[in-house]
Amino acid sequence: MDLEVTQTAKKKLNEIPEDKIIQLSFDKGSCDIVNNVYEMKVVERREPESYEKMINSENLEFIVDDHFEETYDHELTIDFRDNFFIFKNKNQTFNNRIRLRYI
C-alpha cells in the first residue's frame, strides 16, 4: 500500500507518545462514495486483531482493517490542515474534518 503522510500531518502525528498507536476506522457504506475514514483513534500500542493489520509509513504505524488497501485502491494520502486530517487518493477526497481521538 502506498500510504503517504504529508509533512504537516507527520508533524502532528509525531506528537503521539511512543506507547500509543494510531487506529484508522472506516465506514463501509453502501453508496458510491464509500469507505470514508471516519475516526482516528490513538490507542495503547498493541498487536492487530485477526481482522486487522499494521501499515507503516514515514516512521509511523497504523492499525487498519485488513481490507484497507483494497478500499483505497492501494493509495492513500493523509494531510493535516486547519486542525483537521484530510484523507484522499487519486480519485477523491474522503473526509476533511477528522481529528485525533485519544482513547
Protein backbone atom coordinates (compact mmCIF):
# COMPACT_ATOMS: atom_id res chain seq x y z
CA MET A 1 0.00 0.00 0.00
CA ASP A 2 1.24 3.44 -0.87
CA LEU A 3 0.34 5.44 2.24
CA GLU A 4 1.70 8.96 2.05
CA VAL A 5 1.77 11.23 5.09
CA THR A 6 2.37 14.88 4.28
CA GLN A 7 4.87 16.87 6.34
CA THR A 8 2.13 18.79 8.17
CA ALA A 9 0.34 15.54 9.07
CA LYS A 10 3.60 13.88 10.07
CA LYS A 11 4.44 16.76 12.40
CA LYS A 12 1.07 16.42 14.16
CA LEU A 13 1.18 12.61 14.31
CA ASN A 14 4.70 12.65 15.75
CA GLU A 15 3.23 14.31 18.85
CA ILE A 16 1.67 10.96 19.79
CA PRO A 17 3.51 9.23 22.65
CA GLU A 18 5.68 6.20 21.78
CA ASP A 19 3.50 3.81 23.80
CA LYS A 20 0.46 4.66 21.62
CA ILE A 21 -0.54 3.75 18.08
CA ILE A 22 -2.97 5.19 15.53
CA GLN A 23 -6.03 3.16 14.61
CA LEU A 24 -7.87 4.17 11.44
CA SER A 25 -11.53 3.17 11.27
CA PHE A 26 -13.58 3.43 8.13
CA ASP A 27 -17.26 3.31 7.26
CA LYS A 28 -18.18 0.52 4.88
CA GLY A 29 -21.16 2.42 3.47
CA SER A 30 -23.41 1.38 0.62
CA CYS A 31 -23.30 4.40 -1.68
CA ASP A 32 -20.83 5.10 -4.49
CA ILE A 33 -18.52 7.23 -2.37
CA VAL A 34 -17.92 4.78 0.44
CA ASN A 35 -15.27 3.69 2.86
CA ASN A 36 -14.62 7.09 4.38
CA VAL A 37 -12.18 7.17 7.22
CA TYR A 38 -14.42 8.43 9.99
CA GLU A 39 -12.18 8.12 13.01
CA MET A 40 -8.52 8.26 14.00
CA LYS A 41 -8.06 6.80 17.45
CA VAL A 42 -4.87 6.96 19.47
CA VAL A 43 -4.84 3.70 21.43
CA GLU A 44 -2.40 1.74 23.58
CA ARG A 45 0.21 0.02 21.44
CA ARG A 46 -0.99 -3.50 20.71
CA GLU A 47 -0.85 -6.30 18.19
CA PRO A 48 -3.51 -6.26 15.46
CA GLU A 49 -6.61 -8.41 15.86
CA SER A 50 -7.24 -11.23 13.35
CA TYR A 51 -9.24 -8.86 11.08
CA GLU A 52 -6.64 -6.06 11.25
CA LYS A 53 -3.10 -5.40 10.10
CA MET A 54 -0.29 -2.90 10.56
CA ILE A 55 0.74 -0.38 7.93
CA ASN A 56 3.96 1.59 8.31
CA SER A 57 4.65 4.89 6.62
CA GLU A 58 7.01 7.76 7.36
CA ASN A 59 8.14 6.01 10.57
CA LEU A 60 4.52 5.96 11.76
CA GLU A 61 2.48 2.85 12.48
CA PHE A 62 -1.23 2.48 11.81
CA ILE A 63 -3.65 -0.32 12.70
CA VAL A 64 -6.19 -0.76 9.91
CA ASP A 65 -8.87 -3.18 8.77
CA ASP A 66 -7.33 -5.99 6.68
CA HIS A 67 -9.28 -4.76 3.60
CA PHE A 68 -7.89 -1.26 3.93
CA GLU A 69 -5.60 -1.46 0.89
CA GLU A 70 -8.34 -2.62 -1.46
CA THR A 71 -10.68 0.02 -0.10
CA TYR A 72 -8.38 2.86 -1.16
CA ASP A 73 -7.06 1.33 -4.39
CA HIS A 74 -3.68 0.80 -2.67
CA GLU A 75 -3.15 4.56 -2.44
CA LEU A 76 -3.98 6.99 0.36
CA THR A 77 -2.62 10.38 1.37
CA ILE A 78 -3.09 11.80 4.86
CA ASP A 79 -2.79 15.56 5.16
CA PHE A 80 -3.37 17.96 8.07
CA ARG A 81 -4.85 21.44 7.57
CA ASP A 82 -6.83 23.82 9.77
CA ASN A 83 -6.59 21.41 12.74
CA PHE A 84 -8.19 18.51 10.84
CA PHE A 85 -6.88 15.48 8.96
CA ILE A 86 -7.82 15.06 5.31
CA PHE A 87 -7.77 11.70 3.51
CA LYS A 88 -7.57 11.40 -0.25
CA ASN A 89 -6.47 9.10 -3.02
CA LYS A 90 -6.05 9.70 -6.73
CA ASN A 91 -9.82 9.80 -7.30
CA GLN A 92 -11.35 11.73 -4.44
CA THR A 93 -11.09 13.39 -1.06
CA PHE A 94 -12.75 11.17 1.52
CA ASN A 95 -13.04 13.40 4.56
CA ASN A 96 -11.97 16.81 5.64
CA ARG A 97 -12.94 17.03 9.31
CA ILE A 98 -11.22 14.22 11.20
CA ARG A 99 -9.41 14.82 14.49
CA LEU A 100 -7.33 12.53 16.62
CA ARG A 101 -9.34 10.91 19.39
CA TYR A 102 -7.34 9.71 22.38
CA ILE A 103 -8.70 6.54 24.00
